[in-house]
Amino acid sequence: MARLNLRDSIPYAYCPGSSLLHRLPAGLKLLIFLSLSFSAFFFGIPGLCGGGLLLFFGALSAGIKPWELFRGARYLLIMTFLVLAFRSWSLFPPAFSIPGFMAGSRFAGTILVSFAAASLLFKVTTMTEFRESIRRAEGILRYPLFVLLKPLRQHWAYRLRYRLERPRLSLGIALLLGFLPQFFEIWETASKAYAARAGKKGMSRIIALIPIVSEGMMERAGKTARALEARGLSL
């Protein structure tokens, strides 16, 4: 089934769909993908291979090509390749190190699996779903404290109960999670504009884009802050 999505070229962008992954609760998806990342780090080759296979078939089940999970990972791929090369070769004396190659491969694999897990999570989950799921979890966690404070009549208890009634934690985490797709969106837009003006590649491109993207993120943050204040939801 083809996806009609105008944001396919943007890393970490949400891809609309009706697959099982799309329909799962956001909190459950967050736990699953965090578990895949942790298993890749702490369970060696079995965790790495298992996580990679689950992400591969999970992407296919959601109508996403597996290699699309690595959009925006160019410099990460370069870094992991350099780490693998440095770990695989010893300089004194110059020789190929099999243990170093294996260790470097595990490191590169865990980094890439973690990146792909985060990418797939954002592609099948909207920011609204993230916030609602975290809000419900926050409500469950703060309920016992709210019950303990309810009988108290002191001023500090009233103030604390008032703060507990407002979902500040879920709002903060949702804004934090929303930073990644917004960053990639602004970076991709600036990068295409830079390329359209025949800008140079390499470090010149990065040096030119960093202040533009930083300004764009600050403008986006300012608009978000004003929108939250207008709704009485400022942190």
Protein backbone atom coordinates (compact mmCIF):
# COMPACT_ATOMS: atom_id res chain seq x y z
CA MET A 1 0.00 0.00 0.00
CA ALA A 2 1.55 3.29 -1.06
CA ARG A 3 1.95 6.06 1.45
CA LEU A 4 0.88 9.56 0.51
CA ASN A 5 3.28 11.52 2.66
CA LEU A 6 4.86 14.80 1.68
CA ARG A 7 7.50 14.52 4.41
CA ASP A 8 9.12 11.24 3.33
CA SER A 9 12.48 12.93 2.81
CA ILE A 10 12.63 14.32 6.37
CA PRO A 11 14.33 12.11 8.99
CA TYR A 12 12.23 11.16 12.04
CA ALA A 13 9.08 12.51 10.35
CA TYR A 14 5.77 10.80 11.11
CA CYS A 15 4.50 8.51 8.33
CA PRO A 16 0.70 8.11 8.44
CA GLY A 17 -0.60 4.55 8.34
CA SER A 18 -2.97 2.00 9.85
CA SER A 19 -0.53 -0.82 10.62
CA LEU A 20 -0.35 -2.63 13.95
CA LEU A 21 2.65 -0.50 14.95
CA HIS A 22 0.70 2.67 14.22
CA ARG A 23 -2.23 1.47 16.34
CA LEU A 24 -0.25 0.37 19.39
CA PRO A 25 -0.34 2.74 22.40
CA ALA A 26 2.52 5.24 22.34
CA GLY A 27 3.71 4.23 25.80
CA LEU A 28 3.95 0.57 24.80
CA LYS A 29 5.85 1.48 21.64
CA LEU A 30 8.25 3.62 23.65
CA LEU A 31 8.94 0.71 26.03
CA ILE A 32 9.42 -1.73 23.13
CA PHE A 33 11.90 0.43 21.25
CA LEU A 34 13.78 1.36 24.43
CA SER A 35 14.04 -2.37 25.18
CA LEU A 36 15.46 -3.01 21.71
CA SER A 37 18.12 -0.33 22.24
CA PHE A 38 19.03 -1.62 25.72
CA SER A 39 19.21 -5.22 24.49
CA ALA A 40 21.60 -4.16 21.72
CA PHE A 41 23.87 -2.51 24.31
CA PHE A 42 23.75 -5.07 27.09
CA PHE A 43 23.15 -8.48 25.45
CA GLY A 44 25.90 -8.50 22.86
CA ILE A 45 25.49 -10.15 19.47
CA PRO A 46 22.16 -11.92 20.28
CA GLY A 47 20.54 -8.67 21.43
CA LEU A 48 22.02 -6.79 18.48
CA CYS A 49 20.87 -9.29 15.86
CA GLY A 50 17.47 -9.75 17.47
CA GLY A 51 16.88 -6.02 17.71
CA GLY A 52 17.99 -5.48 14.12
CA LEU A 53 15.67 -8.19 12.79
CA LEU A 54 12.69 -6.89 14.78
CA LEU A 55 13.29 -3.38 13.47
CA PHE A 56 13.64 -4.69 9.91
CA PHE A 57 10.34 -6.57 9.95
CA GLY A 58 8.66 -3.88 12.04
CA ALA A 59 9.49 -1.28 9.40
CA LEU A 60 8.17 -3.52 6.62
CA SER A 61 4.96 -4.18 8.55
CA ALA A 62 4.41 -0.42 8.88
CA GLY A 63 4.92 0.14 5.15
CA ILE A 64 8.35 1.76 5.67
CA LYS A 65 11.43 0.75 3.72
CA PRO A 66 14.08 -0.33 6.27
CA TRP A 67 16.78 1.91 4.81
CA GLU A 68 14.51 4.92 5.31
CA LEU A 69 15.14 4.55 9.05
CA PHE A 70 18.66 5.87 8.46
CA ARG A 71 17.69 9.15 6.83
CA GLY A 72 19.78 11.88 8.41
CA ALA A 73 22.36 9.40 9.73
CA ARG A 74 25.12 10.23 7.23
CA TYR A 75 27.53 11.69 9.76
CA LEU A 76 26.65 9.00 12.29
CA LEU A 77 27.53 6.36 9.69
CA ILE A 78 30.83 8.10 8.99
CA MET A 79 31.62 8.23 12.71
CA THR A 80 30.83 4.55 13.26
CA PHE A 81 32.93 3.60 10.21
CA LEU A 82 35.89 5.58 11.57
CA VAL A 83 35.51 3.95 14.99
CA LEU A 84 35.39 0.53 13.34
CA ALA A 85 38.51 1.32 11.29
CA PHE A 86 40.48 2.58 14.31
CA ARG A 87 39.46 -0.41 16.41
CA SER A 88 40.32 -2.88 13.63
CA TRP A 89 43.88 -1.75 13.00
CA SER A 90 46.76 -1.41 15.40
CA LEU A 91 49.54 1.03 14.49
CA PHE A 92 52.43 -0.41 16.46
CA PRO A 93 53.00 -2.79 14.78
CA PRO A 94 50.62 -2.21 11.85
CA ALA A 95 48.26 -5.19 11.82
CA PHE A 96 44.62 -6.11 11.55
CA SER A 97 43.04 -6.94 14.90
CA ILE A 98 40.19 -9.44 14.85
CA PRO A 99 39.17 -8.73 18.50
CA GLY A 100 39.25 -5.02 17.75
CA PHE A 101 37.15 -5.52 14.63
CA MET A 102 34.57 -7.53 16.58
CA ALA A 103 34.41 -4.92 19.36
CA GLY A 104 34.13 -2.10 16.82
CA SER A 105 31.40 -3.95 14.93
CA ARG A 106 29.37 -4.41 18.12
CA PHE A 107 29.75 -0.72 18.95
CA ALA A 108 28.71 0.37 15.44
CA GLY A 109 25.80 -2.05 15.46
CA THR A 110 24.43 -0.84 18.79
CA ILE A 111 24.61 2.80 17.71
CA LEU A 112 22.83 2.07 14.42
CA VAL A 113 20.16 -0.12 16.04
CA SER A 114 19.44 2.62 18.60
CA PHE A 115 19.18 5.24 15.84
CA ALA A 116 16.89 3.02 13.75
CA ALA A 117 14.70 2.23 16.78
CA ALA A 118 14.22 5.92 17.53
CA SER A 119 13.55 6.64 13.85
CA LEU A 120 10.89 3.92 13.58
CA LEU A 121 9.28 5.08 16.83
CA PHE A 122 8.85 8.62 15.53
CA LYS A 123 7.65 7.39 12.13
CA VAL A 124 4.72 5.47 13.63
CA THR A 125 3.83 7.77 16.56
CA THR A 126 2.50 11.33 16.59
CA MET A 127 3.47 13.92 19.18
CA THR A 128 -0.12 13.98 20.42
CA GLU A 129 0.03 10.23 21.08
CA PHE A 130 3.32 10.67 22.93
CA ARG A 131 1.90 13.39 25.15
CA GLU A 132 -1.35 11.56 25.94
CA SER A 133 0.48 8.37 26.83
CA ILE A 134 2.99 10.17 29.06
CA ARG A 135 0.16 12.21 30.63
CA ARG A 136 -1.68 9.04 31.63
CA ALA A 137 1.51 7.55 33.08
CA GLU A 138 2.15 10.79 34.96
CA GLY A 139 -1.39 10.70 36.36
CA ILE A 140 -0.89 7.16 37.67
CA LEU A 141 2.43 8.06 39.30
CA ARG A 142 1.19 11.23 41.00
CA TYR A 143 -2.16 9.84 42.19
CA PRO A 144 -0.84 8.37 45.51
CA LEU A 145 0.82 11.69 46.40
CA PHE A 146 -2.35 13.60 45.49
CA VAL A 147 -4.41 11.32 47.80
CA LEU A 148 -1.96 11.89 50.67
CA LEU A 149 -2.11 15.67 50.21
CA LYS A 150 -5.88 15.95 49.84
CA PRO A 151 -6.76 15.96 53.59
CA LEU A 152 -4.12 18.60 54.37
CA ARG A 153 -5.24 22.22 54.68
CA GLN A 154 -1.88 23.97 54.80
CA HIS A 155 -1.02 26.55 52.16
CA TRP A 156 1.94 24.56 50.84
CA ALA A 157 -0.32 21.50 50.38
CA TYR A 158 -2.77 23.53 48.29
CA ARG A 159 0.06 24.83 46.13
CA LEU A 160 1.53 21.37 45.66
CA ARG A 161 -1.85 19.87 44.77
CA TYR A 162 -2.37 22.66 42.23
CA ARG A 163 0.97 21.84 40.63
CA LEU A 164 0.15 18.13 40.59
CA GLU A 165 -3.12 18.81 38.78
CA ARG A 166 -1.24 20.30 35.84
CA PRO A 167 0.54 17.77 33.55
CA ARG A 168 3.88 19.55 33.51
CA LEU A 169 6.04 16.42 33.28
CA SER A 170 4.19 14.96 30.30
CA LEU A 171 4.28 18.34 28.57
CA GLY A 172 8.02 18.71 29.16
CA ILE A 173 8.82 15.19 27.92
CA ALA A 174 6.57 15.62 24.88
CA LEU A 175 8.35 18.86 24.00
CA LEU A 176 11.71 17.14 24.45
CA LEU A 177 10.70 14.27 22.18
CA GLY A 178 9.36 16.74 19.64
CA PHE A 179 12.76 18.40 19.41
CA LEU A 180 14.25 15.66 17.17
CA PRO A 181 11.76 15.68 14.27
CA GLN A 182 11.62 19.47 14.34
CA PHE A 183 15.41 19.70 14.23
CA PHE A 184 15.62 17.34 11.24
CA GLU A 185 12.80 19.18 9.48
CA ILE A 186 14.53 22.55 9.84
CA TRP A 187 17.92 21.06 8.91
CA GLU A 188 16.52 19.37 5.79
CA THR A 189 14.75 22.56 4.68
CA ALA A 190 17.89 24.65 5.19
CA SER A 191 20.05 22.03 3.48
CA LYS A 192 17.85 21.98 0.38
CA ALA A 193 17.82 25.79 0.24
CA TYR A 194 21.62 25.81 0.57
CA ALA A 195 22.01 23.24 -2.22
CA ALA A 196 19.60 25.18 -4.47
CA ARG A 197 21.95 28.17 -4.17
CA ALA A 198 24.93 26.06 -5.30
CA GLY A 199 26.51 26.04 -1.87
CA LYS A 200 29.74 24.14 -1.32
CA LYS A 201 29.68 20.69 0.24
CA GLY A 202 31.72 19.39 3.15
CA MET A 203 32.58 21.47 6.19
CA SER A 204 31.56 24.70 4.44
CA ARG A 205 28.01 23.35 4.25
CA ILE A 206 27.93 22.43 7.94
CA ILE A 207 29.41 25.78 9.01
CA ALA A 208 26.81 27.62 6.94
CA LEU A 209 23.87 25.54 8.16
CA ILE A 210 24.57 25.51 11.91
CA PRO A 211 23.64 29.19 12.57
CA ILE A 212 20.62 28.97 10.24
CA VAL A 213 19.29 25.84 11.94
CA SER A 214 20.03 27.26 15.40
CA GLU A 215 18.05 30.40 14.58
CA GLY A 216 15.22 28.30 13.20
CA MET A 217 15.08 26.16 16.34
CA MET A 218 15.02 29.26 18.57
CA GLU A 219 12.19 30.76 16.51
CA ARG A 220 10.26 27.47 16.74
CA ALA A 221 10.87 27.33 20.49
CA GLY A 222 9.65 30.92 20.88
CA LYS A 223 6.44 30.20 18.96
CA THR A 224 5.84 27.07 21.04
CA ALA A 225 6.41 28.98 24.28
CA ARG A 226 3.97 31.73 23.26
CA ALA A 227 1.35 29.15 22.25
CA LEU A 228 1.73 27.36 25.60
CA GLU A 229 1.48 30.62 27.57
CA ALA A 230 -1.67 31.56 25.65
CA ARG A 231 -3.21 28.27 26.80
CA GLY A 232 -1.94 28.57 30.37
CA LEU A 233 0.37 25.58 29.91
CA SER A 234 3.77 27.20 30.40
CA LEU A 235 6.31 25.09 32.29
